[in-house]
Amino acid sequence: LSESGPSSGGRTPQLVASPRFPLQYEVEDAGPNGPAVVELWVTRDGGRSWSRLGEDSDRTSPFLVDLAGDGTHGLTLVARSASGLGDRPPAPGDAPQLWVEVDTTPPVVQVNPPRVGVGIHAGKVAISWHATDLHLGPRPVVISYRPDQADAPWEPIADRLDNTGMYVWNVPANVPPRIHIRVDVQDAVGNRAHADTMSSGSILVDRTRPRSRIIGLDPQGRGGDGPSARPMR
């Protein structure tokens, strides 16, 4: 775990996906019976002020921590013997032993209406999206499709994509003509979110190539008030 933070060099805190987690620790020179008290202190304002978060009842690692919400928290452990000797509580301005950043917020994802290729680009679909999060990891995007049918499963198009906001899909021939698109995004600690086209309607990928030819005149048809068409003799 990182042991630095905003007031101790500005290095990145340890990211966690939940405010509740076990904190591993050790106490040196604890004596034959171990420490009498093991406390955890927290700062939420960069070390300007500190408060006692709680006490480890069994005084044995791990310490079950509950930080109660998102944000950056500085943590310092305080251990004392039965005679009161040991660590002093942190004072204003002290750097914590560990910085933790709790992130339970999923990414924000928006899918734009896909653009279906025409002409020489027929059979391609340009998929665009916008995804934001404070802690997006590398290649956080997965794109899927599903046929426009009830209870149809989502099938993968591409995964582990960079968050570029654009992907051009060469639609395979076995994909039905009417489909939906979905974009999933995951941040660095596993929070996930997605957006899809289910509410905006299906996408028509028309790969047909019509061909026409004249087969003759309709002998029963009339043009204006003229006579029916007849072959010339």
Protein backbone atom coordinates (compact mmCIF):
# COMPACT_ATOMS: atom_id res chain seq x y z
CA LEU A 1 0.00 0.00 0.00
CA SER A 2 1.09 3.55 -0.71
CA GLU A 3 2.33 5.54 2.28
CA SER A 4 2.13 9.01 0.75
CA GLY A 5 -0.52 11.48 -0.22
CA PRO A 6 -1.40 15.13 -0.79
CA SER A 7 0.67 16.48 2.12
CA SER A 8 3.54 13.98 1.80
CA GLY A 9 4.84 14.34 -1.73
CA GLY A 10 1.55 14.39 -3.70
CA ARG A 11 1.81 10.78 -4.82
CA THR A 12 -1.33 8.87 -5.77
CA PRO A 13 -3.31 7.37 -2.85
CA GLN A 14 -4.30 3.71 -2.73
CA LEU A 15 -7.59 3.26 -4.60
CA VAL A 16 -10.30 1.08 -3.04
CA ALA A 17 -13.78 0.27 -4.35
CA SER A 18 -15.51 0.26 -0.95
CA PRO A 19 -15.28 2.38 2.21
CA ARG A 20 -15.17 -0.89 4.19
CA PHE A 21 -12.00 -2.96 3.97
CA PRO A 22 -9.47 -4.87 6.14
CA LEU A 23 -6.30 -2.93 6.92
CA GLN A 24 -3.20 -5.03 7.54
CA TYR A 25 -0.82 -3.76 10.22
CA GLU A 26 1.93 -4.73 12.62
CA VAL A 27 3.06 -3.36 15.98
CA GLU A 28 6.77 -3.41 16.84
CA ASP A 29 8.07 -3.75 20.41
CA ALA A 30 4.58 -4.63 21.57
CA GLY A 31 5.73 -6.48 24.70
CA PRO A 32 4.88 -10.03 25.81
CA ASN A 33 1.14 -9.44 25.89
CA GLY A 34 0.94 -7.31 22.79
CA PRO A 35 -0.41 -3.76 22.63
CA ALA A 36 -3.14 -2.71 25.03
CA VAL A 37 -4.73 -0.28 22.55
CA VAL A 38 -4.68 -0.08 18.75
CA GLU A 39 -6.51 2.96 17.35
CA LEU A 40 -7.02 4.27 13.83
CA TRP A 41 -7.07 8.01 13.21
CA VAL A 42 -8.30 9.69 10.03
CA THR A 43 -7.93 13.02 8.27
CA ARG A 44 -10.19 14.13 5.44
CA ASP A 45 -8.71 17.57 4.89
CA GLY A 46 -5.13 16.80 3.94
CA GLY A 47 -3.80 16.54 7.51
CA ARG A 48 -5.10 19.86 8.82
CA SER A 49 -7.28 18.06 11.37
CA TRP A 50 -7.55 14.54 12.72
CA SER A 51 -10.25 12.44 14.40
CA ARG A 52 -10.22 9.04 16.05
CA LEU A 53 -11.96 6.59 13.74
CA GLY A 54 -12.11 3.59 16.02
CA GLU A 55 -10.29 0.89 17.97
CA ASP A 56 -9.33 -2.64 16.96
CA SER A 57 -11.05 -4.73 19.64
CA ASP A 58 -8.81 -7.81 19.31
CA ARG A 59 -5.62 -5.76 18.68
CA THR A 60 -4.66 -8.24 15.97
CA SER A 61 -4.27 -7.51 12.27
CA PRO A 62 -6.34 -6.89 10.21
CA PHE A 63 -8.21 -3.78 11.37
CA LEU A 64 -11.70 -3.70 9.83
CA VAL A 65 -12.08 -0.12 8.58
CA ASP A 66 -15.27 1.75 7.67
CA LEU A 67 -14.60 5.19 6.16
CA ALA A 68 -18.34 5.80 5.56
CA GLY A 69 -18.07 7.29 2.09
CA ASP A 70 -16.12 8.32 -0.98
CA GLY A 71 -13.17 10.69 -0.94
CA THR A 72 -9.50 10.85 0.01
CA HIS A 73 -8.72 9.80 3.56
CA GLY A 74 -5.40 9.84 5.43
CA LEU A 75 -4.94 7.03 7.95
CA THR A 76 -2.56 6.69 10.89
CA LEU A 77 -2.39 3.81 13.35
CA VAL A 78 -1.72 4.50 17.04
CA ALA A 79 -0.66 1.70 19.43
CA ARG A 80 -0.05 2.01 23.18
CA SER A 81 0.95 -0.32 25.99
CA ALA A 82 -0.98 -0.89 29.19
CA SER A 83 1.16 1.82 30.82
CA GLY A 84 0.17 4.32 28.13
CA LEU A 85 3.51 4.32 26.34
CA GLY A 86 3.72 4.13 22.56
CA ASP A 87 2.53 6.19 19.63
CA ARG A 88 1.08 9.64 20.10
CA PRO A 89 -2.09 10.58 18.19
CA PRO A 90 -1.44 12.57 15.02
CA ALA A 91 -1.51 16.36 15.34
CA PRO A 92 -2.65 18.97 12.79
CA GLY A 93 -0.11 19.13 9.99
CA ASP A 94 1.13 15.55 10.49
CA ALA A 95 1.33 13.40 7.37
CA PRO A 96 -0.62 10.13 7.53
CA GLN A 97 0.95 6.73 7.34
CA LEU A 98 -1.36 5.85 4.42
CA TRP A 99 -3.60 7.69 1.97
CA VAL A 100 -6.70 5.88 0.72
CA GLU A 101 -9.09 7.11 -1.94
CA VAL A 102 -12.53 5.47 -1.86
CA ASP A 103 -14.32 5.37 -5.21
CA THR A 104 -17.75 3.74 -5.34
CA THR A 105 -19.03 5.92 -8.21
CA PRO A 106 -19.50 4.22 -11.59
CA PRO A 107 -18.42 5.92 -14.81
CA VAL A 108 -20.81 8.19 -16.73
CA VAL A 109 -21.47 6.74 -20.21
CA GLN A 110 -23.42 8.11 -23.16
CA VAL A 111 -23.87 6.44 -26.56
CA ASN A 112 -24.51 8.64 -29.57
CA PRO A 113 -26.80 7.45 -32.39
CA PRO A 114 -24.66 5.05 -34.46
CA ARG A 115 -24.01 6.05 -38.08
CA VAL A 116 -24.63 3.31 -40.63
CA GLY A 117 -22.35 3.41 -43.64
CA VAL A 118 -23.69 3.87 -47.17
CA GLY A 119 -22.16 3.45 -50.60
CA ILE A 120 -18.62 2.15 -50.37
CA HIS A 121 -19.01 2.10 -46.56
CA ALA A 122 -22.08 -0.14 -46.61
CA GLY A 123 -21.88 -2.85 -43.95
CA LYS A 124 -19.99 -0.61 -41.52
CA VAL A 125 -21.32 1.09 -38.40
CA ALA A 126 -19.56 4.02 -36.73
CA ILE A 127 -20.14 3.71 -32.96
CA SER A 128 -19.39 6.79 -30.87
CA TRP A 129 -19.69 7.36 -27.14
CA HIS A 130 -18.64 9.67 -24.31
CA ALA A 131 -17.38 8.19 -21.03
CA THR A 132 -15.94 10.00 -18.01
CA ASP A 133 -14.64 8.88 -14.61
CA LEU A 134 -11.99 10.08 -12.18
CA HIS A 135 -10.17 6.74 -12.33
CA LEU A 136 -10.62 5.14 -15.73
CA GLY A 137 -8.11 2.38 -16.20
CA PRO A 138 -6.30 1.44 -19.41
CA ARG A 139 -8.55 0.07 -22.18
CA PRO A 140 -11.76 0.27 -20.15
CA VAL A 141 -14.34 -0.03 -22.97
CA VAL A 142 -16.33 -3.06 -24.20
CA ILE A 143 -18.77 -2.82 -27.14
CA SER A 144 -21.55 -5.35 -27.78
CA TYR A 145 -24.60 -5.83 -29.98
CA ARG A 146 -27.85 -7.75 -29.74
CA PRO A 147 -30.50 -8.60 -32.33
CA ASP A 148 -33.71 -6.58 -32.10
CA GLN A 149 -35.54 -9.52 -30.59
CA ALA A 150 -37.04 -10.09 -27.15
CA ASP A 151 -34.57 -11.66 -24.67
CA ALA A 152 -31.76 -11.81 -27.22
CA PRO A 153 -28.33 -11.93 -25.52
CA TRP A 154 -25.62 -9.33 -25.98
CA GLU A 155 -22.80 -10.51 -28.20
CA PRO A 156 -19.26 -9.04 -28.13
CA ILE A 157 -18.05 -6.72 -30.87
CA ALA A 158 -14.77 -5.57 -29.32
CA ASP A 159 -13.28 -5.41 -25.83
CA ARG A 160 -10.37 -3.78 -24.03
CA LEU A 161 -10.68 -0.64 -26.14
CA ASP A 162 -9.13 2.70 -25.29
CA ASN A 163 -11.62 5.40 -24.39
CA THR A 164 -11.23 7.15 -27.75
CA GLY A 165 -14.98 7.72 -28.19
CA MET A 166 -15.14 6.11 -31.62
CA TYR A 167 -15.08 2.61 -33.13
CA VAL A 168 -15.91 1.57 -36.70
CA TRP A 169 -17.41 -1.91 -36.87
CA ASN A 170 -17.28 -4.02 -40.01
CA VAL A 171 -20.53 -5.88 -39.47
CA PRO A 172 -20.20 -9.64 -40.18
CA ALA A 173 -22.61 -11.14 -42.71
CA ASN A 174 -24.28 -13.36 -40.08
CA VAL A 175 -25.45 -10.39 -37.97
CA PRO A 176 -29.21 -9.71 -38.33
CA PRO A 177 -30.13 -6.48 -40.12
CA ARG A 178 -31.82 -4.88 -37.08
CA ILE A 179 -29.65 -4.62 -33.98
CA HIS A 180 -28.90 -2.62 -30.84
CA ILE A 181 -25.49 -1.38 -29.64
CA ARG A 182 -24.18 -1.25 -26.07
CA VAL A 183 -21.04 0.33 -24.60
CA ASP A 184 -19.74 -0.85 -21.20
CA VAL A 185 -17.06 1.07 -19.28
CA GLN A 186 -15.17 -0.04 -16.16
CA ASP A 187 -13.00 2.12 -13.93
CA ALA A 188 -9.74 1.16 -12.25
CA VAL A 189 -11.40 -0.29 -9.14
CA GLY A 190 -14.13 -2.27 -10.95
CA ASN A 191 -17.11 0.12 -10.95
CA ARG A 192 -19.06 -0.45 -14.16
CA ALA A 193 -21.67 1.42 -16.17
CA HIS A 194 -23.15 1.10 -19.64
CA ALA A 195 -25.33 2.85 -22.19
CA ASP A 196 -27.19 1.35 -25.14
CA THR A 197 -29.59 2.12 -27.96
CA MET A 198 -32.55 0.17 -26.57
CA SER A 199 -34.62 3.27 -25.82
CA SER A 200 -33.82 5.08 -29.07
CA GLY A 201 -34.79 2.27 -31.45
CA SER A 202 -33.01 -0.41 -33.44
CA ILE A 203 -30.31 0.19 -36.04
CA LEU A 204 -30.87 -1.04 -39.60
CA VAL A 205 -27.77 -2.37 -41.31
CA ASP A 206 -28.89 -2.90 -44.91
CA ARG A 207 -26.33 -4.82 -46.94
CA THR A 208 -28.68 -5.71 -49.82
CA ARG A 209 -27.69 -4.65 -53.35
CA PRO A 210 -30.86 -4.30 -55.49
CA ARG A 211 -30.54 -5.02 -59.24
CA SER A 212 -33.21 -4.08 -61.74
CA ARG A 213 -34.14 -5.05 -65.34
CA ILE A 214 -37.03 -4.37 -67.67
CA ILE A 215 -39.18 -7.38 -68.42
CA GLY A 216 -41.69 -5.66 -70.75
CA LEU A 217 -44.89 -3.61 -70.74
CA ASP A 218 -48.01 -4.44 -68.83
CA PRO A 219 -50.52 -5.41 -71.55
CA GLN A 220 -53.38 -4.44 -69.22
CA GLY A 221 -51.90 -1.09 -68.28
CA ARG A 222 -53.01 2.24 -69.80
CA GLY A 223 -51.03 5.41 -70.21
CA GLY A 224 -53.43 8.34 -69.69
CA ASP A 225 -56.47 7.85 -72.00
CA GLY A 226 -54.58 5.88 -74.64
CA PRO A 227 -55.18 2.28 -75.58
CA SER A 228 -53.69 -0.69 -73.77
CA ALA A 229 -50.15 -1.59 -74.77
CA ARG A 230 -49.95 -4.10 -77.62
CA PRO A 231 -46.92 -5.51 -79.38
CA MET A 232 -46.23 -3.97 -82.81
CA ARG A 233 -46.71 -6.17 -85.87
